């Protein structure tokens, strides 16, 4: 569940930065990266526990 919240937070932060800061943030938002995050979200959520474990492992 934590990973799902992180992906949603990333989407909202990217949208906010695109609107407020413009520049590269606006460019990648306009190119559809926010849509990519939403499109991939079900897969990320379905594998969230595995991803969480992988990114939490010490090097």
PDB file of N, CA and C in Angstrom:
ATOM      1  N   UNK A   1       0.816  -1.204   0.000  1.00  0.00           N
ATOM      2  CA  UNK A   1       0.000   0.000   0.000  1.00  0.00           C
ATOM      3  C   UNK A   1       0.858   1.267   0.000  1.00  0.00           C
ATOM      4  N   UNK A   2       1.999   1.199   0.652  1.00  0.00           N
ATOM      5  CA  UNK A   2       2.875   2.370   0.700  1.00  0.00           C
ATOM      6  C   UNK A   2       3.305   2.758  -0.707  1.00  0.00           C
ATOM      7  N   UNK A   3       3.624   1.777  -1.527  1.00  0.00           N
ATOM      8  CA  UNK A   3       4.075   2.076  -2.877  1.00  0.00           C
ATOM      9  C   UNK A   3       2.976   2.754  -3.690  1.00  0.00           C
ATOM     10  N   UNK A   4       1.732   2.323  -3.511  1.00  0.00           N
ATOM     11  CA  UNK A   4       0.609   2.953  -4.214  1.00  0.00           C
ATOM     12  C   UNK A   4       0.505   4.420  -3.829  1.00  0.00           C
ATOM     13  N   UNK A   5       0.679   4.712  -2.561  1.00  0.00           N
ATOM     14  CA  UNK A   5       0.621   6.106  -2.114  1.00  0.00           C
ATOM     15  C   UNK A   5       1.776   6.919  -2.693  1.00  0.00           C
ATOM     16  N   UNK A   6       2.930   6.292  -2.805  1.00  0.00           N
ATOM     17  CA  UNK A   6       4.087   6.988  -3.386  1.00  0.00           C
ATOM     18  C   UNK A   6       3.861   7.322  -4.851  1.00  0.00           C
ATOM     19  N   UNK A   7       3.273   6.402  -5.605  1.00  0.00           N
ATOM     20  CA  UNK A   7       3.043   6.679  -7.023  1.00  0.00           C
ATOM     21  C   UNK A   7       2.008   7.786  -7.186  1.00  0.00           C
ATOM     22  N   UNK A   8       0.992   7.782  -6.368  1.00  0.00           N
ATOM     23  CA  UNK A   8      -0.024   8.841  -6.438  1.00  0.00           C
ATOM     24  C   UNK A   8       0.567  10.186  -6.044  1.00  0.00           C
ATOM     25  N   UNK A   9       1.415  10.174  -5.034  1.00  0.00           N
ATOM     26  CA  UNK A   9       2.075  11.408  -4.600  1.00  0.00           C
ATOM     27  C   UNK A   9       2.972  11.939  -5.710  1.00  0.00           C
ATOM     28  N   UNK A  10       3.693  11.047  -6.383  1.00  0.00           N
ATOM     29  CA  UNK A  10       4.561  11.469  -7.484  1.00  0.00           C
ATOM     30  C   UNK A  10       3.750  12.148  -8.578  1.00  0.00           C
ATOM     31  N   UNK A  11       2.587  11.587  -8.888  1.00  0.00           N
ATOM     32  CA  UNK A  11       1.724  12.172  -9.917  1.00  0.00           C
ATOM     33  C   UNK A  11       1.290  13.581  -9.526  1.00  0.00           C
ATOM     34  N   UNK A  12       0.807  13.732  -8.286  1.00  0.00           N
ATOM     35  CA  UNK A  12       0.337  15.040  -7.835  1.00  0.00           C
ATOM     36  C   UNK A  12       1.469  16.063  -7.752  1.00  0.00           C
ATOM     37  N   UNK A  13       2.639  15.638  -7.281  1.00  0.00           N
ATOM     38  CA  UNK A  13       3.779  16.555  -7.207  1.00  0.00           C
ATOM     39  C   UNK A  13       4.219  17.004  -8.595  1.00  0.00           C
ATOM     40  N   UNK A  14       4.257  16.071  -9.537  1.00  0.00           N
ATOM     41  CA  UNK A  14       4.660  16.424 -10.892  1.00  0.00           C
ATOM     42  C   UNK A  14       3.669  17.402 -11.512  1.00  0.00           C
ATOM     43  N   UNK A  15       2.393  17.162 -11.310  1.00  0.00           N
ATOM     44  CA  UNK A  15       1.364  18.065 -11.832  1.00  0.00           C
ATOM     45  C   UNK A  15       1.513  19.452 -11.223  1.00  0.00           C
ATOM     46  N   UNK A  16       1.682  19.502  -9.916  1.00  0.00           N
ATOM     47  CA  UNK A  16       1.837  20.778  -9.223  1.00  0.00           C
ATOM     48  C   UNK A  16       3.078  21.532  -9.717  1.00  0.00           C
ATOM     49  N   UNK A  17       4.179  20.835  -9.838  1.00  0.00           N
ATOM     50  CA  UNK A  17       5.415  21.488 -10.288  1.00  0.00           C
ATOM     51  C   UNK A  17       5.295  21.965 -11.730  1.00  0.00           C
ATOM     52  N   UNK A  18       4.616  21.198 -12.556  1.00  0.00           N
ATOM     53  CA  UNK A  18       4.408  21.620 -13.943  1.00  0.00           C
ATOM     54  C   UNK A  18       3.609  22.918 -13.986  1.00  0.00           C
ATOM     55  N   UNK A  19       2.577  22.996 -13.152  1.00  0.00           N
ATOM     56  CA  UNK A  19       1.721  24.187 -13.134  1.00  0.00           C
ATOM     57  C   UNK A  19       2.424  25.389 -12.508  1.00  0.00           C
ATOM     58  N   UNK A  20       3.171  25.166 -11.432  1.00  0.00           N
ATOM     59  CA  UNK A  20       3.763  26.275 -10.697  1.00  0.00           C
ATOM     60  C   UNK A  20       5.135  26.696 -11.213  1.00  0.00           C
ATOM     61  N   UNK A  21       5.944  25.742 -11.635  1.00  0.00           N
ATOM     62  CA  UNK A  21       7.322  26.053 -12.018  1.00  0.00           C
ATOM     63  C   UNK A  21       7.536  26.092 -13.525  1.00  0.00           C
ATOM     64  N   UNK A  22       6.693  25.356 -14.241  1.00  0.00           N
ATOM     65  CA  UNK A  22       6.859  25.325 -15.695  1.00  0.00           C
ATOM     66  C   UNK A  22       8.148  24.635 -16.096  1.00  0.00           C
ATOM     67  N   UNK A  23       8.814  25.150 -17.109  1.00  0.00           N
ATOM     68  CA  UNK A  23      10.095  24.611 -17.550  1.00  0.00           C
ATOM     69  C   UNK A  23      10.033  23.139 -17.898  1.00  0.00           C
ATOM     70  N   UNK A  24      11.052  22.404 -17.435  1.00  0.00           N
ATOM     71  CA  UNK A  24      11.135  20.970 -17.712  1.00  0.00           C
ATOM     72  C   UNK A  24       9.972  20.186 -17.132  1.00  0.00           C
ATOM     73  N   UNK A  25       9.488  20.621 -15.970  1.00  0.00           N
ATOM     74  CA  UNK A  25       8.335  19.940 -15.374  1.00  0.00           C
ATOM     75  C   UNK A  25       7.123  20.037 -16.303  1.00  0.00           C
ATOM     76  N   UNK A  26       6.872  21.224 -16.821  1.00  0.00           N
ATOM     77  CA  UNK A  26       5.736  21.407 -17.731  1.00  0.00           C
ATOM     78  C   UNK A  26       5.934  20.607 -19.012  1.00  0.00           C
ATOM     79  N   UNK A  27       7.174  20.590 -19.502  1.00  0.00           N
ATOM     80  CA  UNK A  27       7.445  19.858 -20.743  1.00  0.00           C
ATOM     81  C   UNK A  27       7.134  18.376 -20.593  1.00  0.00           C
ATOM     82  N   UNK A  28       7.658  17.741 -19.518  1.00  0.00           N
ATOM     83  CA  UNK A  28       7.405  16.303 -19.374  1.00  0.00           C
ATOM     84  C   UNK A  28       5.941  16.023 -19.051  1.00  0.00           C
ATOM     85  N   UNK A  29       5.289  16.947 -18.364  1.00  0.00           N
ATOM     86  CA  UNK A  29       3.853  16.778 -18.102  1.00  0.00           C
ATOM     87  C   UNK A  29       3.088  16.860 -19.423  1.00  0.00           C
ATOM     88  N   UNK A  30       3.412  17.875 -20.230  1.00  0.00           N
ATOM     89  CA  UNK A  30       2.738  18.053 -21.521  1.00  0.00           C
ATOM     90  C   UNK A  30       3.003  16.890 -22.476  1.00  0.00           C
ATOM     91  N   UNK A  31       4.155  16.249 -22.322  1.00  0.00           N
ATOM     92  CA  UNK A  31       4.487  15.096 -23.164  1.00  0.00           C
ATOM     93  C   UNK A  31       3.788  13.819 -22.697  1.00  0.00           C
ATOM     94  N   UNK A  32       3.042  13.902 -21.601  1.00  0.00           N
ATOM     95  CA  UNK A  32       2.222  12.776 -21.185  1.00  0.00           C
ATOM     96  C   UNK A  32       2.802  11.886 -20.105  1.00  0.00           C
ATOM     97  N   UNK A  33       3.836  12.345 -19.415  1.00  0.00           N
ATOM     98  CA  UNK A  33       4.422  11.483 -18.391  1.00  0.00           C
ATOM     99  C   UNK A  33       3.451  11.211 -17.246  1.00  0.00           C
ATOM    100  N   UNK A  34       2.620  12.187 -16.908  1.00  0.00           N
ATOM    101  CA  UNK A  34       1.599  11.967 -15.882  1.00  0.00           C
ATOM    102  C   UNK A  34       0.633  10.859 -16.287  1.00  0.00           C
ATOM    103  N   UNK A  35       0.280  10.838 -17.560  1.00  0.00           N
ATOM    104  CA  UNK A  35      -0.587   9.771 -18.072  1.00  0.00           C
ATOM    105  C   UNK A  35       0.101   8.416 -17.974  1.00  0.00           C
ATOM    106  N   UNK A  36       1.415   8.401 -18.214  1.00  0.00           N
ATOM    107  CA  UNK A  36       2.181   7.151 -18.100  1.00  0.00           C
ATOM    108  C   UNK A  36       2.144   6.620 -16.668  1.00  0.00           C
ATOM    109  N   UNK A  37       2.286   7.522 -15.712  1.00  0.00           N
ATOM    110  CA  UNK A  37       2.234   7.101 -14.305  1.00  0.00           C
ATOM    111  C   UNK A  37       0.879   6.473 -14.007  1.00  0.00           C
ATOM    112  N   UNK A  38      -0.185   7.124 -14.429  1.00  0.00           N
ATOM    113  CA  UNK A  38      -1.532   6.591 -14.185  1.00  0.00           C
ATOM    114  C   UNK A  38      -1.746   5.260 -14.908  1.00  0.00           C
ATOM    115  N   UNK A  39      -1.239   5.148 -16.126  1.00  0.00           N
ATOM    116  CA  UNK A  39      -1.411   3.922 -16.899  1.00  0.00           C
ATOM    117  C   UNK A  39      -0.708   2.747 -16.227  1.00  0.00           C
ATOM    118  N   UNK A  40       0.484   2.991 -15.659  1.00  0.00           N
ATOM    119  CA  UNK A  40       1.280   1.936 -15.025  1.00  0.00           C
ATOM    120  C   UNK A  40       0.849   1.631 -13.594  1.00  0.00           C
ATOM    121  N   UNK A  41       0.079   2.509 -13.006  1.00  0.00           N
ATOM    122  CA  UNK A  41      -0.274   2.376 -11.589  1.00  0.00           C
ATOM    123  C   UNK A  41      -0.862   1.012 -11.210  1.00  0.00           C
ATOM    124  N   UNK A  42      -1.792   0.442 -11.957  1.00  0.00           N
ATOM    125  CA  UNK A  42      -2.324  -0.873 -11.547  1.00  0.00           C
ATOM    126  C   UNK A  42      -1.244  -1.953 -11.448  1.00  0.00           C
ATOM    127  N   UNK A  43      -0.310  -1.943 -12.361  1.00  0.00           N
ATOM    128  CA  UNK A  43       0.778  -2.920 -12.299  1.00  0.00           C
ATOM    129  C   UNK A  43       1.689  -2.686 -11.122  1.00  0.00           C
ATOM    130  N   UNK A  44       1.981  -1.425 -10.860  1.00  0.00           N
ATOM    131  CA  UNK A  44       2.826  -1.098  -9.714  1.00  0.00           C
ATOM    132  C   UNK A  44       2.148  -1.486  -8.411  1.00  0.00           C
ATOM    133  N   UNK A  45       0.860  -1.224  -8.330  1.00  0.00           N
ATOM    134  CA  UNK A  45       0.119  -1.563  -7.108  1.00  0.00           C
ATOM    135  C   UNK A  45       0.059  -3.079  -6.947  1.00  0.00           C
ATOM    136  N   UNK A  46      -0.161  -3.793  -8.041  1.00  0.00           N
ATOM    137  CA  UNK A  46      -0.227  -5.244  -7.984  1.00  0.00           C
ATOM    138  C   UNK A  46       1.073  -5.894  -7.541  1.00  0.00           C
ATOM    139  N   UNK A  47       2.173  -5.206  -7.786  1.00  0.00           N
ATOM    140  CA  UNK A  47       3.486  -5.727  -7.408  1.00  0.00           C
ATOM    141  C   UNK A  47       4.152  -4.858  -6.341  1.00  0.00           C
ATOM    142  N   UNK A  48       3.344  -4.054  -5.679  1.00  0.00           N
ATOM    143  CA  UNK A  48       3.863  -3.101  -4.712  1.00  0.00           C
ATOM    144  C   UNK A  48       4.726  -3.700  -3.619  1.00  0.00           C
ATOM    145  N   UNK A  49       4.318  -4.841  -3.071  1.00  0.00           N
ATOM    146  CA  UNK A  49       5.084  -5.460  -1.982  1.00  0.00           C
ATOM    147  C   UNK A  49       6.466  -5.889  -2.466  1.00  0.00           C
ATOM    148  N   UNK A  50       6.530  -6.453  -3.664  1.00  0.00           N
ATOM    149  CA  UNK A  50       7.809  -6.890  -4.214  1.00  0.00           C
ATOM    150  C   UNK A  50       8.707  -5.680  -4.483  1.00  0.00           C
ATOM    151  N   UNK A  51       8.133  -4.628  -5.030  1.00  0.00           N
ATOM    152  CA  UNK A  51       8.903  -3.420  -5.314  1.00  0.00           C
ATOM    153  C   UNK A  51       9.392  -2.785  -4.011  1.00  0.00           C
ATOM    154  N   UNK A  52       8.511  -2.705  -3.014  1.00  0.00           N
ATOM    155  CA  UNK A  52       8.899  -2.147  -1.713  1.00  0.00           C
ATOM    156  C   UNK A  52      10.079  -2.926  -1.126  1.00  0.00           C
ATOM    157  N   UNK A  53       9.993  -4.247  -1.192  1.00  0.00           N
ATOM    158  CA  UNK A  53      11.083  -5.069  -0.670  1.00  0.00           C
ATOM    159  C   UNK A  53      12.384  -4.784  -1.419  1.00  0.00           C
ATOM    160  N   UNK A  54      12.290  -4.677  -2.734  1.00  0.00           N
ATOM    161  CA  UNK A  54      13.488  -4.487  -3.549  1.00  0.00           C
ATOM    162  C   UNK A  54      14.147  -3.124  -3.273  1.00  0.00           C
ATOM    163  N   UNK A  55      13.360  -2.065  -3.126  1.00  0.00           N
ATOM    164  CA  UNK A  55      13.960  -0.756  -2.905  1.00  0.00           C
ATOM    165  C   UNK A  55      14.339  -0.537  -1.440  1.00  0.00           C
ATOM    166  N   UNK A  56      13.889  -1.411  -0.572  1.00  0.00           N
ATOM    167  CA  UNK A  56      14.209  -1.285   0.852  1.00  0.00           C
ATOM    168  C   UNK A  56      15.427  -2.108   1.257  1.00  0.00           C
ATOM    169  N   UNK A  57      15.900  -2.960   0.358  1.00  0.00           N
ATOM    170  CA  UNK A  57      17.035  -3.830   0.678  1.00  0.00           C
ATOM    171  C   UNK A  57      18.323  -3.009   0.806  1.00  0.00           C
ATOM    172  N   UNK A  58      19.155  -3.329   1.773  1.00  0.00           N
ATOM    173  CA  UNK A  58      20.435  -2.619   1.852  1.00  0.00           C
ATOM    174  C   UNK A  58      21.318  -3.026   0.671  1.00  0.00           C
ATOM    175  N   UNK A  59      22.217  -2.118   0.264  1.00  0.00           N
ATOM    176  CA  UNK A  59      23.074  -2.412  -0.904  1.00  0.00           C
ATOM    177  C   UNK A  59      24.031  -3.555  -0.652  1.00  0.00           C
TER     178      UNK A  59
END
